[in-house]
Amino acid sequence: MGILIFIVIILFVAGGLLILLRSANSHKLPNGVKPKPYSDDDD
């Protein structure tokens, strides 16, 4: 019974990590986008 609970916990952790990686990779900027400087940036 303990092994079954351990396997279920591992599956939930692995699934959560895969969801986080997928959502992190989906918000990349296109290659042509350049950052604009702030108007109050003195440097």
C-alpha atoms as a PDB file:
ATOM      1  CA  MET A   1       0.000   0.000   0.000  1.00  0.00           C
ATOM      2  CA  GLY A   2       2.849   2.383   0.807  1.00  0.00           C
ATOM      3  CA  ILE A   3       4.490   1.740  -2.569  1.00  0.00           C
ATOM      4  CA  LEU A   4       1.246   2.602  -4.372  1.00  0.00           C
ATOM      5  CA  ILE A   5       0.957   5.919  -2.528  1.00  0.00           C
ATOM      6  CA  PHE A   6       4.609   6.679  -3.313  1.00  0.00           C
ATOM      7  CA  ILE A   7       4.059   6.007  -7.032  1.00  0.00           C
ATOM      8  CA  VAL A   8       0.966   8.236  -7.092  1.00  0.00           C
ATOM      9  CA  ILE A   9       2.885  11.074  -5.404  1.00  0.00           C
ATOM     10  CA  ILE A  10       5.743  10.736  -7.907  1.00  0.00           C
ATOM     11  CA  LEU A  11       3.276  10.848 -10.811  1.00  0.00           C
ATOM     12  CA  PHE A  12       1.644  14.017  -9.450  1.00  0.00           C
ATOM     13  CA  VAL A  13       5.010  15.726  -8.983  1.00  0.00           C
ATOM     14  CA  ALA A  14       6.194  14.741 -12.470  1.00  0.00           C
ATOM     15  CA  GLY A  15       2.911  15.915 -14.002  1.00  0.00           C
ATOM     16  CA  GLY A  16       3.134  19.237 -12.193  1.00  0.00           C
ATOM     17  CA  LEU A  17       6.687  19.774 -13.406  1.00  0.00           C
ATOM     18  CA  LEU A  18       5.693  19.010 -16.988  1.00  0.00           C
ATOM     19  CA  ILE A  19       2.815  21.489 -16.795  1.00  0.00           C
ATOM     20  CA  LEU A  20       5.138  24.175 -15.401  1.00  0.00           C
ATOM     21  CA  LEU A  21       7.719  23.578 -18.127  1.00  0.00           C
ATOM     22  CA  ARG A  22       5.067  23.688 -20.831  1.00  0.00           C
ATOM     23  CA  SER A  23       3.610  26.960 -19.565  1.00  0.00           C
ATOM     24  CA  ALA A  24       7.072  28.515 -19.172  1.00  0.00           C
ATOM     25  CA  ASN A  25       8.031  27.685 -22.760  1.00  0.00           C
ATOM     26  CA  SER A  26       4.809  29.024 -24.256  1.00  0.00           C
ATOM     27  CA  HIS A  27       5.406  32.698 -23.342  1.00  0.00           C
ATOM     28  CA  LYS A  28       8.556  33.404 -25.338  1.00  0.00           C
ATOM     29  CA  LEU A  29       8.819  36.643 -27.284  1.00  0.00           C
ATOM     30  CA  PRO A  30       9.147  36.578 -31.069  1.00  0.00           C
ATOM     31  CA  ASN A  31      12.618  37.147 -32.516  1.00  0.00           C
ATOM     32  CA  GLY A  32      11.850  40.608 -33.964  1.00  0.00           C
ATOM     33  CA  VAL A  33      10.768  42.151 -30.642  1.00  0.00           C
ATOM     34  CA  LYS A  34      13.281  44.576 -29.119  1.00  0.00           C
ATOM     35  CA  PRO A  35      13.030  46.099 -25.628  1.00  0.00           C
ATOM     36  CA  LYS A  36      12.104  49.779 -25.463  1.00  0.00           C
ATOM     37  CA  PRO A  37      14.045  52.002 -23.056  1.00  0.00           C
ATOM     38  CA  TYR A  38      12.117  53.688 -20.269  1.00  0.00           C
ATOM     39  CA  SER A  39      11.579  57.410 -20.701  1.00  0.00           C
ATOM     40  CA  ASP A  40      12.964  58.138 -17.215  1.00  0.00           C
ATOM     41  CA  ASP A  41      16.036  55.920 -17.624  1.00  0.00           C
ATOM     42  CA  ASP A  42      19.138  58.134 -17.290  1.00  0.00           C
ATOM     43  CA  ASP A  43      21.814  55.455 -17.803  1.00  0.00           C
END
